[in-house]
Every structure is written in structure tokens, then in C-alpha cells.
PDB file of N, CA and C in Angstrom:
ATOM      1  N   MET A   1      25.298-120.555-100.694  1.00  0.00           N
ATOM      2  CA  MET A   1      24.188-121.761-100.401  1.00  0.00           C
ATOM      3  C   MET A   1      22.720-121.733 -99.615  1.00  0.00           C
ATOM      4  N   PRO A   2      21.607-121.757 -99.696  1.00  0.00           N
ATOM      5  CA  PRO A   2      20.606-121.493 -99.320  1.00  0.00           C
ATOM      6  C   PRO A   2      20.481-122.120 -97.961  1.00  0.00           C
ATOM      7  N   ASN A   3      20.015-122.041 -96.759  1.00  0.00           N
ATOM      8  CA  ASN A   3      19.707-122.257 -95.268  1.00  0.00           C
ATOM      9  C   ASN A   3      18.052-122.909 -95.244  1.00  0.00           C
ATOM     10  N   ILE A   4      17.855-124.496 -95.607  1.00  0.00           N
ATOM     11  CA  ILE A   4      16.847-124.535 -95.406  1.00  0.00           C
ATOM     12  C   ILE A   4      16.562-125.619 -93.936  1.00  0.00           C
ATOM     13  N   THR A   5      15.604-125.036 -93.263  1.00  0.00           N
ATOM     14  CA  THR A   5      15.051-125.585 -92.056  1.00  0.00           C
ATOM     15  C   THR A   5      13.724-125.622 -91.996  1.00  0.00           C
ATOM     16  N   LEU A   6      13.234-127.548 -91.641  1.00  0.00           N
ATOM     17  CA  LEU A   6      11.998-127.883 -91.947  1.00  0.00           C
ATOM     18  C   LEU A   6      11.963-128.327 -90.386  1.00  0.00           C
ATOM     19  N   LEU A   7      10.782-127.982 -89.516  1.00  0.00           N
ATOM     20  CA  LEU A   7       9.956-128.226 -88.491  1.00  0.00           C
ATOM     21  C   LEU A   7       9.008-129.119 -88.905  1.00  0.00           C
ATOM     22  N   VAL A   8       9.373-130.172 -87.923  1.00  0.00           N
ATOM     23  CA  VAL A   8       8.406-131.583 -88.158  1.00  0.00           C
ATOM     24  C   VAL A   8       7.918-131.501 -86.970  1.00  0.00           C
ATOM     25  N   SER A   9       7.178-132.841 -86.882  1.00  0.00           N
ATOM     26  CA  SER A   9       6.737-133.125 -85.639  1.00  0.00           C
ATOM     27  C   SER A   9       6.903-134.946 -85.481  1.00  0.00           C
ATOM     28  N   PRO A  10       6.627-135.417 -84.711  1.00  0.00           N
ATOM     29  CA  PRO A  10       7.091-137.193 -84.514  1.00  0.00           C
ATOM     30  C   PRO A  10       5.550-137.648 -85.156  1.00  0.00           C
ATOM     31  N   SER A  11       4.268-136.406 -84.624  1.00  0.00           N
ATOM     32  CA  SER A  11       3.156-137.308 -84.465  1.00  0.00           C
ATOM     33  C   SER A  11       2.539-136.757 -86.080  1.00  0.00           C
ATOM     34  N   CYS A  12       3.519-136.482 -86.879  1.00  0.00           N
ATOM     35  CA  CYS A  12       3.058-135.680 -88.010  1.00  0.00           C
ATOM     36  C   CYS A  12       3.114-136.292 -89.473  1.00  0.00           C
ATOM     37  N   GLY A  13       1.835-136.591 -89.897  1.00  0.00           N
ATOM     38  CA  GLY A  13       1.682-137.746 -90.584  1.00  0.00           C
ATOM     39  C   GLY A  13       1.777-137.024 -92.201  1.00  0.00           C
ATOM     40  N   ALA A  14       2.148-135.642 -92.677  1.00  0.00           N
ATOM     41  CA  ALA A  14       2.564-135.050 -93.569  1.00  0.00           C
ATOM     42  C   ALA A  14       4.174-135.194 -93.544  1.00  0.00           C
ATOM     43  N   CYS A  15       4.964-134.921 -92.559  1.00  0.00           N
ATOM     44  CA  CYS A  15       6.091-134.520 -92.294  1.00  0.00           C
ATOM     45  C   CYS A  15       7.571-135.489 -93.022  1.00  0.00           C
ATOM     46  N   PRO A  16       6.963-136.772 -93.071  1.00  0.00           N
ATOM     47  CA  PRO A  16       7.680-137.710 -93.930  1.00  0.00           C
ATOM     48  C   PRO A  16       7.900-137.390 -95.302  1.00  0.00           C
ATOM     49  N   SER A  17       6.969-136.623 -96.132  1.00  0.00           N
ATOM     50  CA  SER A  17       6.785-136.471 -97.458  1.00  0.00           C
ATOM     51  C   SER A  17       7.943-135.195 -97.623  1.00  0.00           C
ATOM     52  N   ALA A  18       7.680-134.371 -96.494  1.00  0.00           N
ATOM     53  CA  ALA A  18       8.403-133.344 -96.555  1.00  0.00           C
ATOM     54  C   ALA A  18       9.369-133.196 -96.533  1.00  0.00           C
ATOM     55  N   LYS A  19      10.128-133.990 -95.688  1.00  0.00           N
ATOM     56  CA  LYS A  19      11.505-134.933 -95.454  1.00  0.00           C
ATOM     57  C   LYS A  19      12.081-135.440 -96.569  1.00  0.00           C
ATOM     58  N   SER A  20      11.249-136.353 -96.936  1.00  0.00           N
ATOM     59  CA  SER A  20      11.879-136.579 -98.172  1.00  0.00           C
ATOM     60  C   SER A  20      12.222-136.059 -99.699  1.00  0.00           C
ATOM     61  N   LEU A  21      11.130-134.864 -99.832  1.00  0.00           N
ATOM     62  CA  LEU A  21      11.109-133.971-100.814  1.00  0.00           C
ATOM     63  C   LEU A  21      12.573-133.270-100.800  1.00  0.00           C
ATOM     64  N   TRP A  22      12.844-132.526 -99.274  1.00  0.00           N
ATOM     65  CA  TRP A  22      13.740-131.895 -99.543  1.00  0.00           C
ATOM     66  C   TRP A  22      15.109-132.637 -99.225  1.00  0.00           C
ATOM     67  N   LYS A  23      15.481-133.874 -99.089  1.00  0.00           N
ATOM     68  CA  LYS A  23      16.501-134.945 -99.138  1.00  0.00           C
ATOM     69  C   LYS A  23      16.684-135.114-100.439  1.00  0.00           C
ATOM     70  N   GLU A  24      15.673-135.021-101.456  1.00  0.00           N
ATOM     71  CA  GLU A  24      15.561-135.419-102.529  1.00  0.00           C
ATOM     72  C   GLU A  24      16.192-134.368-103.396  1.00  0.00           C
ATOM     73  N   LEU A  25      15.944-132.966-102.857  1.00  0.00           N
ATOM     74  CA  LEU A  25      16.438-131.959-103.928  1.00  0.00           C
ATOM     75  C   LEU A  25      17.910-131.296-103.244  1.00  0.00           C
ATOM     76  N   ARG A  26      18.154-131.897-102.350  1.00  0.00           N
ATOM     77  CA  ARG A  26      19.467-131.768-102.006  1.00  0.00           C
ATOM     78  C   ARG A  26      20.729-132.298-102.910  1.00  0.00           C
ATOM     79  N   VAL A  27      20.114-133.574-103.769  1.00  0.00           N
ATOM     80  CA  VAL A  27      20.861-134.621-104.453  1.00  0.00           C
ATOM     81  C   VAL A  27      20.971-132.824-106.054  1.00  0.00           C
ATOM     82  N   LYS A  28      20.569-132.585-106.180  1.00  0.00           N
ATOM     83  CA  LYS A  28      20.250-131.639-107.375  1.00  0.00           C
ATOM     84  C   LYS A  28      20.706-129.988-107.255  1.00  0.00           C
ATOM     85  N   TYR A  29      20.681-129.466-105.766  1.00  0.00           N
ATOM     86  CA  TYR A  29      20.904-128.507-105.573  1.00  0.00           C
ATOM     87  C   TYR A  29      21.870-128.132-104.173  1.00  0.00           C
ATOM     88  N   SER A  30      22.833-127.361-103.906  1.00  0.00           N
ATOM     89  CA  SER A  30      23.628-127.349-103.003  1.00  0.00           C
ATOM     90  C   SER A  30      22.661-126.356-101.994  1.00  0.00           C
ATOM     91  N   PHE A  31      22.352-126.788-100.841  1.00  0.00           N
ATOM     92  CA  PHE A  31      22.495-126.237 -99.657  1.00  0.00           C
ATOM     93  C   PHE A  31      21.906-126.743 -98.698  1.00  0.00           C
ATOM     94  N   SER A  32      22.373-126.018 -97.505  1.00  0.00           N
ATOM     95  CA  SER A  32      22.392-126.655 -96.137  1.00  0.00           C
ATOM     96  C   SER A  32      20.677-126.929 -95.753  1.00  0.00           C
ATOM     97  N   TYR A  33      20.805-128.223 -94.616  1.00  0.00           N
ATOM     98  CA  TYR A  33      19.593-128.773 -94.336  1.00  0.00           C
ATOM     99  C   TYR A  33      19.695-129.008 -93.295  1.00  0.00           C
ATOM    100  N   ARG A  34      18.438-128.545 -92.009  1.00  0.00           N
ATOM    101  CA  ARG A  34      18.386-129.405 -90.815  1.00  0.00           C
ATOM    102  C   ARG A  34      16.757-129.526 -90.571  1.00  0.00           C
ATOM    103  N   GLU A  35      16.496-130.474 -89.510  1.00  0.00           N
ATOM    104  CA  GLU A  35      15.504-130.650 -89.377  1.00  0.00           C
ATOM    105  C   GLU A  35      14.890-130.647 -87.781  1.00  0.00           C
ATOM    106  N   VAL A  36      14.226-129.954 -87.356  1.00  0.00           N
ATOM    107  CA  VAL A  36      13.827-129.172 -86.056  1.00  0.00           C
ATOM    108  C   VAL A  36      12.770-129.625 -85.611  1.00  0.00           C
ATOM    109  N   ASP A  37      12.714-130.621 -84.449  1.00  0.00           N
ATOM    110  CA  ASP A  37      11.599-131.351 -83.752  1.00  0.00           C
ATOM    111  C   ASP A  37      10.512-130.056 -83.312  1.00  0.00           C
ATOM    112  N   ILE A  38       9.987-129.562 -83.732  1.00  0.00           N
ATOM    113  CA  ILE A  38       8.925-128.776 -82.684  1.00  0.00           C
ATOM    114  C   ILE A  38       8.512-128.884 -81.443  1.00  0.00           C
ATOM    115  N   THR A  39       8.694-130.240 -80.852  1.00  0.00           N
ATOM    116  CA  THR A  39       8.222-130.672 -79.625  1.00  0.00           C
ATOM    117  C   THR A  39       9.580-130.089 -78.664  1.00  0.00           C
ATOM    118  N   THR A  40      10.973-129.655 -79.295  1.00  0.00           N
ATOM    119  CA  THR A  40      12.227-129.664 -78.367  1.00  0.00           C
ATOM    120  C   THR A  40      12.310-128.054 -78.369  1.00  0.00           C
ATOM    121  N   PRO A  41      12.968-127.538 -77.473  1.00  0.00           N
ATOM    122  CA  PRO A  41      13.164-125.955 -77.321  1.00  0.00           C
ATOM    123  C   PRO A  41      13.606-125.517 -78.352  1.00  0.00           C
ATOM    124  N   ASP A  42      14.423-125.750 -79.387  1.00  0.00           N
ATOM    125  CA  ASP A  42      14.978-125.222 -80.266  1.00  0.00           C
ATOM    126  C   ASP A  42      13.658-124.781 -81.147  1.00  0.00           C
ATOM    127  N   GLY A  43      13.075-126.192 -81.663  1.00  0.00           N
ATOM    128  CA  GLY A  43      11.762-125.739 -82.255  1.00  0.00           C
ATOM    129  C   GLY A  43      10.510-125.000 -81.980  1.00  0.00           C
ATOM    130  N   GLN A  44      10.464-125.031 -80.642  1.00  0.00           N
ATOM    131  CA  GLN A  44       9.469-123.938 -79.608  1.00  0.00           C
ATOM    132  C   GLN A  44      10.138-122.742 -80.262  1.00  0.00           C
ATOM    133  N   GLU A  45      10.884-122.349 -80.062  1.00  0.00           N
ATOM    134  CA  GLU A  45      11.823-120.950 -80.322  1.00  0.00           C
ATOM    135  C   GLU A  45      11.442-120.574 -81.920  1.00  0.00           C
ATOM    136  N   LEU A  46      11.517-121.535 -82.534  1.00  0.00           N
ATOM    137  CA  LEU A  46      11.386-121.327 -83.844  1.00  0.00           C
ATOM    138  C   LEU A  46      10.259-121.052 -84.729  1.00  0.00           C
ATOM    139  N   ALA A  47       8.954-121.630 -83.811  1.00  0.00           N
ATOM    140  CA  ALA A  47       7.988-121.639 -84.022  1.00  0.00           C
ATOM    141  C   ALA A  47       7.423-120.650 -83.559  1.00  0.00           C
ATOM    142  N   GLU A  48       7.501-120.087 -82.239  1.00  0.00           N
ATOM    143  CA  GLU A  48       7.371-118.820 -81.779  1.00  0.00           C
ATOM    144  C   GLU A  48       7.587-117.582 -82.560  1.00  0.00           C
ATOM    145  N   ARG A  49       9.370-117.362 -83.190  1.00  0.00           N
ATOM    146  CA  ARG A  49       9.510-116.430 -83.798  1.00  0.00           C
ATOM    147  C   ARG A  49       8.976-116.128 -85.174  1.00  0.00           C
ATOM    148  N   HIS A  50       8.428-117.399 -85.691  1.00  0.00           N
ATOM    149  CA  HIS A  50       8.033-117.426 -87.355  1.00  0.00           C
ATOM    150  C   HIS A  50       6.382-117.520 -87.197  1.00  0.00           C
ATOM    151  N   ALA A  51       5.572-117.309 -85.969  1.00  0.00           N
ATOM    152  CA  ALA A  51       4.260-117.494 -85.954  1.00  0.00           C
ATOM    153  C   ALA A  51       3.798-118.863 -86.468  1.00  0.00           C
ATOM    154  N   ILE A  52       4.583-119.909 -86.320  1.00  0.00           N
ATOM    155  CA  ILE A  52       4.460-121.056 -86.937  1.00  0.00           C
ATOM    156  C   ILE A  52       3.371-121.796 -86.186  1.00  0.00           C
ATOM    157  N   ARG A  53       1.840-122.490 -86.633  1.00  0.00           N
ATOM    158  CA  ARG A  53       1.051-122.934 -86.228  1.00  0.00           C
ATOM    159  C   ARG A  53       0.419-124.377 -86.753  1.00  0.00           C
ATOM    160  N   ALA A  54       1.520-125.072 -87.864  1.00  0.00           N
ATOM    161  CA  ALA A  54       1.270-126.180 -88.418  1.00  0.00           C
ATOM    162  C   ALA A  54       2.827-126.630 -88.883  1.00  0.00           C
ATOM    163  N   VAL A  55       2.701-127.825 -88.984  1.00  0.00           N
ATOM    164  CA  VAL A  55       3.974-128.421 -89.477  1.00  0.00           C
ATOM    165  C   VAL A  55       3.403-129.409 -90.532  1.00  0.00           C
ATOM    166  N   PRO A  56       4.164-129.968 -91.619  1.00  0.00           N
ATOM    167  CA  PRO A  56       6.032-129.064 -91.608  1.00  0.00           C
ATOM    168  C   PRO A  56       5.877-127.664 -91.980  1.00  0.00           C
ATOM    169  N   ALA A  57       6.842-127.175 -91.655  1.00  0.00           N
ATOM    170  CA  ALA A  57       6.730-125.573 -92.113  1.00  0.00           C
ATOM    171  C   ALA A  57       8.204-125.753 -92.453  1.00  0.00           C
ATOM    172  N   THR A  58       8.938-125.080 -93.643  1.00  0.00           N
ATOM    173  CA  THR A  58       9.986-124.813 -94.278  1.00  0.00           C
ATOM    174  C   THR A  58      10.188-123.512 -94.327  1.00  0.00           C
ATOM    175  N   ILE A  59      11.776-123.406 -93.554  1.00  0.00           N
ATOM    176  CA  ILE A  59      12.403-122.022 -93.050  1.00  0.00           C
ATOM    177  C   ILE A  59      13.442-121.824 -94.681  1.00  0.00           C
ATOM    178  N   ILE A  60      12.956-121.059 -95.348  1.00  0.00           N
ATOM    179  CA  ILE A  60      14.960-120.698 -96.522  1.00  0.00           C
ATOM    180  C   ILE A  60      15.241-119.389 -95.699  1.00  0.00           C
ATOM    181  N   ASP A  61      16.520-119.617 -95.637  1.00  0.00           N
ATOM    182  CA  ASP A  61      17.236-118.401 -95.261  1.00  0.00           C
ATOM    183  C   ASP A  61      16.483-117.613 -93.990  1.00  0.00           C
ATOM    184  N   GLY A  62      16.095-117.685 -93.208  1.00  0.00           N
ATOM    185  CA  GLY A  62      15.290-117.268 -92.029  1.00  0.00           C
ATOM    186  C   GLY A  62      13.690-116.764 -92.660  1.00  0.00           C
ATOM    187  N   ARG A  63      13.493-117.349 -93.365  1.00  0.00           N
ATOM    188  CA  ARG A  63      12.045-116.689 -93.484  1.00  0.00           C
ATOM    189  C   ARG A  63      11.108-117.973 -93.894  1.00  0.00           C
ATOM    190  N   LEU A  64      10.315-117.849 -93.374  1.00  0.00           N
ATOM    191  CA  LEU A  64       9.062-119.015 -93.449  1.00  0.00           C
ATOM    192  C   LEU A  64       8.612-118.873 -94.647  1.00  0.00           C
ATOM    193  N   THR A  65       8.708-120.068 -95.573  1.00  0.00           N
ATOM    194  CA  THR A  65       8.248-120.013 -96.967  1.00  0.00           C
ATOM    195  C   THR A  65       7.427-120.758 -97.237  1.00  0.00           C
ATOM    196  N   PHE A  66       7.414-121.934 -96.570  1.00  0.00           N
ATOM    197  CA  PHE A  66       6.031-123.155 -96.877  1.00  0.00           C
ATOM    198  C   PHE A  66       5.263-123.522 -95.812  1.00  0.00           C
ATOM    199  N   ILE A  67       4.371-123.912 -95.823  1.00  0.00           N
ATOM    200  CA  ILE A  67       3.446-124.747 -94.678  1.00  0.00           C
ATOM    201  C   ILE A  67       3.094-125.786 -95.133  1.00  0.00           C
ATOM    202  N   GLY A  68       3.327-126.809 -94.556  1.00  0.00           N
ATOM    203  CA  GLY A  68       2.604-128.231 -95.453  1.00  0.00           C
ATOM    204  C   GLY A  68       3.721-128.380 -96.510  1.00  0.00           C
ATOM    205  N   VAL A  69       3.701-129.554 -97.181  1.00  0.00           N
ATOM    206  CA  VAL A  69       3.928-130.387 -98.252  1.00  0.00           C
ATOM    207  C   VAL A  69       4.355-129.550 -99.386  1.00  0.00           C
ATOM    208  N   PRO A  70       5.055-128.810 -99.793  1.00  0.00           N
ATOM    209  CA  PRO A  70       5.309-127.980-100.859  1.00  0.00           C
ATOM    210  C   PRO A  70       5.301-128.487-101.837  1.00  0.00           C
ATOM    211  N   SER A  71       4.884-128.237-103.406  1.00  0.00           N
ATOM    212  CA  SER A  71       4.963-128.955-104.510  1.00  0.00           C
ATOM    213  C   SER A  71       6.424-129.106-104.688  1.00  0.00           C
ATOM    214  N   ARG A  72       6.810-130.123-105.472  1.00  0.00           N
ATOM    215  CA  ARG A  72       8.384-130.387-105.982  1.00  0.00           C
ATOM    216  C   ARG A  72       9.095-128.714-107.142  1.00  0.00           C
ATOM    217  N   GLN A  73       7.772-128.452-107.887  1.00  0.00           N
ATOM    218  CA  GLN A  73       7.968-127.209-108.490  1.00  0.00           C
ATOM    219  C   GLN A  73       7.980-126.102-107.674  1.00  0.00           C
ATOM    220  N   SER A  74       7.429-126.212-106.738  1.00  0.00           N
ATOM    221  CA  SER A  74       7.234-124.837-105.800  1.00  0.00           C
ATOM    222  C   SER A  74       8.721-124.847-105.223  1.00  0.00           C
ATOM    223  N   ALA A  75       9.125-125.627-104.551  1.00  0.00           N
ATOM    224  CA  ALA A  75      10.190-126.187-103.735  1.00  0.00           C
ATOM    225  C   ALA A  75      11.384-125.723-104.728  1.00  0.00           C
ATOM    226  N   GLU A  76      11.738-126.260-106.129  1.00  0.00           N
ATOM    227  CA  GLU A  76      12.980-125.924-106.758  1.00  0.00           C
ATOM    228  C   GLU A  76      12.632-124.626-107.124  1.00  0.00           C
ATOM    229  N   LYS A  77      11.548-124.022-107.286  1.00  0.00           N
ATOM    230  CA  LYS A  77      11.494-122.689-107.936  1.00  0.00           C
ATOM    231  C   LYS A  77      11.679-121.671-106.360  1.00  0.00           C
ATOM    232  N   ALA A  78      11.517-121.746-105.533  1.00  0.00           N
ATOM    233  CA  ALA A  78      12.121-121.270-103.961  1.00  0.00           C
ATOM    234  C   ALA A  78      13.764-121.241-104.199  1.00  0.00           C
ATOM    235  N   LEU A  79      14.137-122.121-104.472  1.00  0.00           N
ATOM    236  CA  LEU A  79      15.697-122.816-104.376  1.00  0.00           C
ATOM    237  C   LEU A  79      16.406-122.060-105.357  1.00  0.00           C
ATOM    238  N   GLU A  80      15.888-122.129-106.586  1.00  0.00           N
ATOM    239  CA  GLU A  80      16.596-121.328-107.520  1.00  0.00           C
ATOM    240  C   GLU A  80      16.846-119.872-107.190  1.00  0.00           C
ATOM    241  N   GLN A  81      15.547-119.473-106.821  1.00  0.00           N
ATOM    242  CA  GLN A  81      15.550-117.443-106.539  1.00  0.00           C
ATOM    243  C   GLN A  81      16.578-117.555-105.631  1.00  0.00           C
ATOM    244  N   LYS A  82      16.238-118.054-104.352  1.00  0.00           N
ATOM    245  CA  LYS A  82      17.494-117.735-103.300  1.00  0.00           C
ATOM    246  C   LYS A  82      18.951-118.230-104.002  1.00  0.00           C
ATOM    247  N   ILE A  83      19.304-119.156-104.832  1.00  0.00           N
ATOM    248  CA  ILE A  83      20.572-119.018-105.525  1.00  0.00           C
ATOM    249  C   ILE A  83      21.023-117.821-106.398  1.00  0.00           C
ATOM    250  N   LYS A  84      19.844-117.338-107.160  1.00  0.00           N
ATOM    251  CA  LYS A  84      20.227-116.608-108.086  1.00  0.00           C
ATOM    252  C   LYS A  84      20.602-114.979-107.503  1.00  0.00           C
ATOM    253  N   GLN A  85      19.498-115.036-106.230  1.00  0.00           N
ATOM    254  CA  GLN A  85      19.865-113.790-105.442  1.00  0.00           C
ATOM    255  C   GLN A  85      21.155-114.029-104.612  1.00  0.00           C
ATOM    256  N   ARG A  86      21.731-114.898-104.497  1.00  0.00           N
ATOM    257  CA  ARG A  86      22.996-114.828-104.163  1.00  0.00           C
ATOM    258  C   ARG A  86      24.557-114.664-104.711  1.00  0.00           C
ATOM    259  N   GLN A  87      24.015-115.260-106.244  1.00  0.00           N
ATOM    260  CA  GLN A  87      25.200-114.988-106.967  1.00  0.00           C
ATOM    261  C   GLN A  87      24.599-113.910-107.662  1.00  0.00           C
ATOM    262  N   GLY A  88      23.602-112.902-107.906  1.00  0.00           N
ATOM    263  CA  GLY A  88      23.460-111.675-108.681  1.00  0.00           C
ATOM    264  C   GLY A  88      24.021-110.420-107.305  1.00  0.00           C
TER     265      GLY A  88
END
């Protein structure tokens, strides 16, 4: 099961769209999901570790995969690749 971490900010205008996308995809795909506020110590640590300068930022299995709101097609493709890697 892939692990999705979405780095967000309370003042981010695009973050609600990214949150909605990942929550919708959880209905179709099985993955663990958490949201981390960039203004928290955990969020700051993630941002520094991955050199993130903008939110929303999606980290899949410990790797920065998307900055901004990915298209549904791109997000699904990334999930499908991760699921196949784990199965194969």
C-alpha cells in the first residue's frame, strides 16, 4: 500500500483541491494518507528534507512526486505504478 503525504498550508488557495483529489482517490485505491501543515515542526522538517518551496506538495513513499495540484490522470498513474512495484 503506497504512503501519501500531502504538505499543505492554511493560507494555500490550491490546497483544498489537492486534499479533495487525494481523498477521492482513496475510494478507488488503497493507500495510507496523511496531511501535514507546513507551518508545524513536522511540516518544516518534511519541507527541508525534500527541499519543498511551495504547497501543495505530494510525497509518495518518501519521494516528492508532485508540486501543486496534480491532474487526476497523473495522480492515478503514479499510484498505479507504486502498486505494481509493490506487487511485482
